[in-house]
Amino acid sequence: MTFDDFRDYLGDFAWFWPGVAITVLLVLTLSRPVAKALRVRWAIAMLLLFAFGLIVSATLTPSREAVRFGVIGTGTCDLARIGIASIQELVDLGDPTFNVLLYIPLGVAVGLFPPSRRKIALIAAAIALPIAIEAIQLVALSLDRACQAADVSDNLTGLIIGLVVGFALGSVVGTGREYKGTPASPGDGHET
């Protein structure tokens, strides 16, 4: 797959690039408050927000046909493949590869969180996310998106790869046990 093929592939999703632009703005605006709320480093919060926004932009925006012609989805879910994609499917750089790659940043971000109940909750939410997205694609017919069991498998594969990378990076560079924001004023209980 060439860069032009990749651009054309993403071109089928009319609101993908505007969604990415909105994601970048939200990341720049919300990453510090999210880092503080989740008690993680700013860069981890940034990656978490960006990964989530990228996933939403790629999966929950309407198709080009829905935007241009009002095409609606079928309300059915393709169960032709349930399980891990073959090596050949991944090498062909089509939907399975894109779906795996899409979830790696989320897995890395969650894997970088310090060990805590919060991390366990985020892992559970990240595992539930692909299932929730496919359910939304199934019932939100106006998006004209395809519900596919294979997407859940591919997304979870990417998530697991990302988690392994995040855990490994966290053990090498550290996860940061606490939010490291701007210097706190005296007496507010925060470390500077």
C-alpha atoms as a PDB file:
ATOM      1  CA  MET A   1       0.000   0.000   0.000  1.00  0.00           C
ATOM      2  CA  THR A   2       1.396   3.370  -1.000  1.00  0.00           C
ATOM      3  CA  PHE A   3       0.795   6.697   0.703  1.00  0.00           C
ATOM      4  CA  ASP A   4      -1.799   7.506  -1.997  1.00  0.00           C
ATOM      5  CA  ASP A   5      -3.602   4.214  -1.288  1.00  0.00           C
ATOM      6  CA  PHE A   6      -3.621   5.028   2.428  1.00  0.00           C
ATOM      7  CA  ARG A   7      -4.936   8.550   1.761  1.00  0.00           C
ATOM      8  CA  ASP A   8      -7.661   7.149  -0.511  1.00  0.00           C
ATOM      9  CA  TYR A   9      -8.555   4.529   2.099  1.00  0.00           C
ATOM     10  CA  LEU A  10      -9.027   7.222   4.744  1.00  0.00           C
ATOM     11  CA  GLY A  11     -10.855   9.356   2.194  1.00  0.00           C
ATOM     12  CA  ASP A  12     -13.785   6.946   2.443  1.00  0.00           C
ATOM     13  CA  PHE A  13     -14.358   8.322   5.933  1.00  0.00           C
ATOM     14  CA  ALA A  14     -15.570  11.851   5.257  1.00  0.00           C
ATOM     15  CA  TRP A  15     -15.015  13.256   8.742  1.00  0.00           C
ATOM     16  CA  PHE A  16     -11.774  11.447   9.614  1.00  0.00           C
ATOM     17  CA  TRP A  17      -9.390  14.377   8.999  1.00  0.00           C
ATOM     18  CA  PRO A  18     -11.678  16.992  10.577  1.00  0.00           C
ATOM     19  CA  GLY A  19     -12.007  14.597  13.529  1.00  0.00           C
ATOM     20  CA  VAL A  20      -8.226  14.381  13.809  1.00  0.00           C
ATOM     21  CA  ALA A  21      -7.977  18.197  13.729  1.00  0.00           C
ATOM     22  CA  ILE A  22     -10.585  18.476  16.499  1.00  0.00           C
ATOM     23  CA  THR A  23      -8.713  15.777  18.432  1.00  0.00           C
ATOM     24  CA  VAL A  24      -5.476  17.764  18.245  1.00  0.00           C
ATOM     25  CA  LEU A  25      -7.246  20.861  19.577  1.00  0.00           C
ATOM     26  CA  LEU A  26      -8.821  18.872  22.405  1.00  0.00           C
ATOM     27  CA  VAL A  27      -5.482  17.256  23.258  1.00  0.00           C
ATOM     28  CA  LEU A  28      -3.813  20.654  23.471  1.00  0.00           C
ATOM     29  CA  THR A  29      -6.646  21.993  25.628  1.00  0.00           C
ATOM     30  CA  LEU A  30      -7.390  19.036  27.890  1.00  0.00           C
ATOM     31  CA  SER A  31      -4.147  17.100  28.342  1.00  0.00           C
ATOM     32  CA  ARG A  32      -2.941  19.003  31.414  1.00  0.00           C
ATOM     33  CA  PRO A  33      -6.262  18.820  33.314  1.00  0.00           C
ATOM     34  CA  VAL A  34      -6.623  15.142  32.362  1.00  0.00           C
ATOM     35  CA  ALA A  35      -3.046  14.454  33.489  1.00  0.00           C
ATOM     36  CA  LYS A  36      -3.812  16.088  36.814  1.00  0.00           C
ATOM     37  CA  ALA A  37      -7.116  14.234  37.223  1.00  0.00           C
ATOM     38  CA  LEU A  38      -5.580  10.869  36.340  1.00  0.00           C
ATOM     39  CA  ARG A  39      -2.340  11.647  38.216  1.00  0.00           C
ATOM     40  CA  VAL A  40      -0.080  10.773  35.287  1.00  0.00           C
ATOM     41  CA  ARG A  41       2.524  12.588  33.283  1.00  0.00           C
ATOM     42  CA  TRP A  42       1.293  15.128  30.792  1.00  0.00           C
ATOM     43  CA  ALA A  43       2.691  13.148  27.828  1.00  0.00           C
ATOM     44  CA  ILE A  44       0.753  10.023  28.863  1.00  0.00           C
ATOM     45  CA  ALA A  45      -2.492  12.000  29.110  1.00  0.00           C
ATOM     46  CA  MET A  46      -1.741  13.538  25.731  1.00  0.00           C
ATOM     47  CA  LEU A  47      -1.208  10.127  24.129  1.00  0.00           C
ATOM     48  CA  LEU A  48      -4.347   8.726  25.777  1.00  0.00           C
ATOM     49  CA  LEU A  49      -6.519  11.590  24.512  1.00  0.00           C
ATOM     50  CA  PHE A  50      -4.989  11.507  21.039  1.00  0.00           C
ATOM     51  CA  ALA A  51      -5.401   7.734  20.749  1.00  0.00           C
ATOM     52  CA  PHE A  52      -9.053   7.902  21.829  1.00  0.00           C
ATOM     53  CA  GLY A  53      -9.779  10.797  19.454  1.00  0.00           C
ATOM     54  CA  LEU A  54      -8.104   8.970  16.575  1.00  0.00           C
ATOM     55  CA  ILE A  55     -10.225   5.881  17.221  1.00  0.00           C
ATOM     56  CA  VAL A  56     -13.444   7.906  17.367  1.00  0.00           C
ATOM     57  CA  SER A  57     -12.501   9.824  14.196  1.00  0.00           C
ATOM     58  CA  ALA A  58     -11.801   6.592  12.328  1.00  0.00           C
ATOM     59  CA  THR A  59     -14.755   4.551  13.538  1.00  0.00           C
ATOM     60  CA  LEU A  60     -17.691   6.737  14.525  1.00  0.00           C
ATOM     61  CA  THR A  61     -17.767   9.349  11.794  1.00  0.00           C
ATOM     62  CA  PRO A  62     -20.108   8.897   8.815  1.00  0.00           C
ATOM     63  CA  SER A  63     -18.999   7.325   5.563  1.00  0.00           C
ATOM     64  CA  ARG A  64     -18.557   9.530   2.500  1.00  0.00           C
ATOM     65  CA  GLU A  65     -21.712   8.004   0.963  1.00  0.00           C
ATOM     66  CA  ALA A  66     -23.723   8.836   4.089  1.00  0.00           C
ATOM     67  CA  VAL A  67     -22.598  12.459   3.919  1.00  0.00           C
ATOM     68  CA  ARG A  68     -23.009  12.909   0.166  1.00  0.00           C
ATOM     69  CA  PHE A  69     -26.033  10.763  -0.628  1.00  0.00           C
ATOM     70  CA  GLY A  70     -27.716   9.967   2.678  1.00  0.00           C
ATOM     71  CA  VAL A  71     -26.855   6.282   2.406  1.00  0.00           C
ATOM     72  CA  ILE A  72     -27.670   4.341   5.546  1.00  0.00           C
ATOM     73  CA  GLY A  73     -26.183   1.171   7.016  1.00  0.00           C
ATOM     74  CA  THR A  74     -27.669  -2.290   6.810  1.00  0.00           C
ATOM     75  CA  GLY A  75     -28.253  -2.925  10.511  1.00  0.00           C
ATOM     76  CA  THR A  76     -26.457  -6.262  10.285  1.00  0.00           C
ATOM     77  CA  CYS A  77     -23.092  -7.427  11.565  1.00  0.00           C
ATOM     78  CA  ASP A  78     -20.627  -9.427   9.476  1.00  0.00           C
ATOM     79  CA  LEU A  79     -19.552 -12.485  11.461  1.00  0.00           C
ATOM     80  CA  ALA A  80     -17.487 -14.051   8.648  1.00  0.00           C
ATOM     81  CA  ARG A  81     -14.260 -13.823  10.653  1.00  0.00           C
ATOM     82  CA  ILE A  82     -14.108 -14.089  14.399  1.00  0.00           C
ATOM     83  CA  GLY A  83     -10.526 -14.298  15.576  1.00  0.00           C
ATOM     84  CA  ILE A  84      -7.065 -13.078  14.767  1.00  0.00           C
ATOM     85  CA  ALA A  85      -6.285 -11.986  11.205  1.00  0.00           C
ATOM     86  CA  SER A  86      -3.923 -14.142   9.196  1.00  0.00           C
ATOM     87  CA  ILE A  87      -0.405 -12.951   8.515  1.00  0.00           C
ATOM     88  CA  GLN A  88      -1.367 -12.541   4.844  1.00  0.00           C
ATOM     89  CA  GLU A  89      -4.311 -10.291   5.748  1.00  0.00           C
ATOM     90  CA  LEU A  90      -1.986  -8.133   7.825  1.00  0.00           C
ATOM     91  CA  VAL A  91       0.706  -8.006   5.136  1.00  0.00           C
ATOM     92  CA  ASP A  92      -1.854  -6.890   2.534  1.00  0.00           C
ATOM     93  CA  LEU A  93      -2.184  -3.597   4.468  1.00  0.00           C
ATOM     94  CA  GLY A  94      -5.968  -3.413   4.279  1.00  0.00           C
ATOM     95  CA  ASP A  95      -8.703  -3.152   6.924  1.00  0.00           C
ATOM     96  CA  PRO A  96      -7.166  -5.679   9.347  1.00  0.00           C
ATOM     97  CA  THR A  97      -3.820  -3.860   9.399  1.00  0.00           C
ATOM     98  CA  PHE A  98      -5.457  -0.467   9.824  1.00  0.00           C
ATOM     99  CA  ASN A  99      -7.640  -1.788  12.662  1.00  0.00           C
ATOM    100  CA  VAL A 100      -4.628  -3.277  14.457  1.00  0.00           C
ATOM    101  CA  LEU A 101      -2.560  -0.098  14.043  1.00  0.00           C
ATOM    102  CA  LEU A 102      -5.453   2.094  15.195  1.00  0.00           C
ATOM    103  CA  TYR A 103      -5.458   0.630  18.710  1.00  0.00           C
ATOM    104  CA  ILE A 104      -1.705   0.383  19.350  1.00  0.00           C
ATOM    105  CA  PRO A 105      -1.393   4.006  20.617  1.00  0.00           C
ATOM    106  CA  LEU A 106      -4.261   3.447  23.074  1.00  0.00           C
ATOM    107  CA  GLY A 107      -2.579   0.308  24.387  1.00  0.00           C
ATOM    108  CA  VAL A 108       0.744   2.132  24.768  1.00  0.00           C
ATOM    109  CA  ALA A 109      -0.909   5.001  26.656  1.00  0.00           C
ATOM    110  CA  VAL A 110      -2.759   2.686  29.047  1.00  0.00           C
ATOM    111  CA  GLY A 111       0.320   0.488  29.468  1.00  0.00           C
ATOM    112  CA  LEU A 112       2.316   3.535  30.564  1.00  0.00           C
ATOM    113  CA  PHE A 113      -0.031   4.267  33.463  1.00  0.00           C
ATOM    114  CA  PRO A 114       1.434   3.483  36.866  1.00  0.00           C
ATOM    115  CA  PRO A 115       0.053   0.326  38.491  1.00  0.00           C
ATOM    116  CA  SER A 116      -3.252   1.214  40.163  1.00  0.00           C
ATOM    117  CA  ARG A 117      -6.969   0.516  40.152  1.00  0.00           C
ATOM    118  CA  ARG A 118      -7.257   3.318  37.622  1.00  0.00           C
ATOM    119  CA  LYS A 119      -5.007   1.380  35.232  1.00  0.00           C
ATOM    120  CA  ILE A 120      -7.106  -1.768  35.641  1.00  0.00           C
ATOM    121  CA  ALA A 121     -10.268   0.252  34.931  1.00  0.00           C
ATOM    122  CA  LEU A 122      -8.661   1.802  31.834  1.00  0.00           C
ATOM    123  CA  ILE A 123      -7.623  -1.619  30.545  1.00  0.00           C
ATOM    124  CA  ALA A 124     -11.191  -2.887  31.036  1.00  0.00           C
ATOM    125  CA  ALA A 125     -12.596   0.198  29.250  1.00  0.00           C
ATOM    126  CA  ALA A 126     -10.101  -0.193  26.399  1.00  0.00           C
ATOM    127  CA  ILE A 127     -11.127  -3.847  25.961  1.00  0.00           C
ATOM    128  CA  ALA A 128     -14.816  -2.866  25.919  1.00  0.00           C
ATOM    129  CA  LEU A 129     -14.272   0.012  23.464  1.00  0.00           C
ATOM    130  CA  PRO A 130     -14.094  -2.029  20.211  1.00  0.00           C
ATOM    131  CA  ILE A 131     -17.244  -3.941  21.165  1.00  0.00           C
ATOM    132  CA  ALA A 132     -19.069  -0.701  21.985  1.00  0.00           C
ATOM    133  CA  ILE A 133     -17.961   0.876  18.711  1.00  0.00           C
ATOM    134  CA  GLU A 134     -19.161  -2.072  16.635  1.00  0.00           C
ATOM    135  CA  ALA A 135     -22.501  -1.984  18.491  1.00  0.00           C
ATOM    136  CA  ILE A 136     -22.843   1.730  17.706  1.00  0.00           C
ATOM    137  CA  GLN A 137     -21.979   1.071  14.055  1.00  0.00           C
ATOM    138  CA  LEU A 138     -24.648  -1.633  14.015  1.00  0.00           C
ATOM    139  CA  VAL A 139     -27.471   0.548  15.362  1.00  0.00           C
ATOM    140  CA  ALA A 140     -26.480   4.026  14.104  1.00  0.00           C
ATOM    141  CA  LEU A 141     -27.595   3.380  10.537  1.00  0.00           C
ATOM    142  CA  SER A 142     -27.128   7.028   9.522  1.00  0.00           C
ATOM    143  CA  LEU A 143     -23.335   6.610   9.842  1.00  0.00           C
ATOM    144  CA  ASP A 144     -23.367   3.948   7.081  1.00  0.00           C
ATOM    145  CA  ARG A 145     -20.590   2.086   8.876  1.00  0.00           C
ATOM    146  CA  ALA A 146     -20.106  -1.674   8.758  1.00  0.00           C
ATOM    147  CA  CYS A 147     -20.324  -3.734  11.933  1.00  0.00           C
ATOM    148  CA  GLN A 148     -17.751  -6.527  11.657  1.00  0.00           C
ATOM    149  CA  ALA A 149     -16.693  -9.069  14.261  1.00  0.00           C
ATOM    150  CA  ALA A 150     -13.259  -9.130  12.620  1.00  0.00           C
ATOM    151  CA  ASP A 151     -12.767  -5.467  13.570  1.00  0.00           C
ATOM    152  CA  VAL A 152     -13.137  -6.334  17.265  1.00  0.00           C
ATOM    153  CA  SER A 153     -10.475  -9.048  16.959  1.00  0.00           C
ATOM    154  CA  ASP A 154      -8.134  -6.736  15.042  1.00  0.00           C
ATOM    155  CA  ASN A 155      -8.669  -3.858  17.489  1.00  0.00           C
ATOM    156  CA  LEU A 156      -7.989  -6.109  20.470  1.00  0.00           C
ATOM    157  CA  THR A 157      -4.843  -7.415  18.767  1.00  0.00           C
ATOM    158  CA  GLY A 158      -3.600  -3.831  18.372  1.00  0.00           C
ATOM    159  CA  LEU A 159      -4.562  -3.026  21.950  1.00  0.00           C
ATOM    160  CA  ILE A 160      -2.605  -6.017  23.281  1.00  0.00           C
ATOM    161  CA  ILE A 161       0.451  -5.106  21.191  1.00  0.00           C
ATOM    162  CA  GLY A 162       0.227  -1.536  22.504  1.00  0.00           C
ATOM    163  CA  LEU A 163      -0.177  -2.699  26.105  1.00  0.00           C
ATOM    164  CA  VAL A 164       2.930  -4.887  25.833  1.00  0.00           C
ATOM    165  CA  VAL A 165       4.894  -1.966  24.382  1.00  0.00           C
ATOM    166  CA  GLY A 166       3.504   0.401  27.053  1.00  0.00           C
ATOM    167  CA  PHE A 167       4.344  -1.984  29.903  1.00  0.00           C
ATOM    168  CA  ALA A 168       7.864  -2.454  28.500  1.00  0.00           C
ATOM    169  CA  LEU A 169       8.432   1.277  28.024  1.00  0.00           C
ATOM    170  CA  GLY A 170       7.045   1.987  31.478  1.00  0.00           C
ATOM    171  CA  SER A 171       9.450  -0.445  33.071  1.00  0.00           C
ATOM    172  CA  VAL A 172      12.400   1.123  31.218  1.00  0.00           C
ATOM    173  CA  VAL A 173      11.635   4.862  31.411  1.00  0.00           C
ATOM    174  CA  GLY A 174       9.219   4.859  34.329  1.00  0.00           C
ATOM    175  CA  THR A 175       5.563   5.738  34.365  1.00  0.00           C
ATOM    176  CA  GLY A 176       5.637   8.665  36.712  1.00  0.00           C
ATOM    177  CA  ARG A 177       3.654   8.018  39.823  1.00  0.00           C
ATOM    178  CA  GLU A 178       2.173  11.470  39.976  1.00  0.00           C
ATOM    179  CA  TYR A 179       1.071  14.373  37.825  1.00  0.00           C
ATOM    180  CA  LYS A 180       3.965  16.693  37.032  1.00  0.00           C
ATOM    181  CA  GLY A 181       2.266  19.925  36.085  1.00  0.00           C
ATOM    182  CA  THR A 182       3.085  23.531  36.697  1.00  0.00           C
ATOM    183  CA  PRO A 183       4.586  24.415  40.061  1.00  0.00           C
ATOM    184  CA  ALA A 184       1.940  24.386  42.759  1.00  0.00           C
ATOM    185  CA  SER A 185       1.317  27.209  45.162  1.00  0.00           C
ATOM    186  CA  PRO A 186       2.453  26.646  48.752  1.00  0.00           C
ATOM    187  CA  GLY A 187       0.054  24.684  50.913  1.00  0.00           C
ATOM    188  CA  ASP A 188      -2.099  23.152  48.154  1.00  0.00           C
ATOM    189  CA  GLY A 189      -0.877  19.634  48.867  1.00  0.00           C
ATOM    190  CA  HIS A 190       0.800  19.080  45.503  1.00  0.00           C
ATOM    191  CA  GLU A 191       4.432  18.296  44.949  1.00  0.00           C
ATOM    192  CA  THR A 192       6.406  20.834  42.933  1.00  0.00           C
END
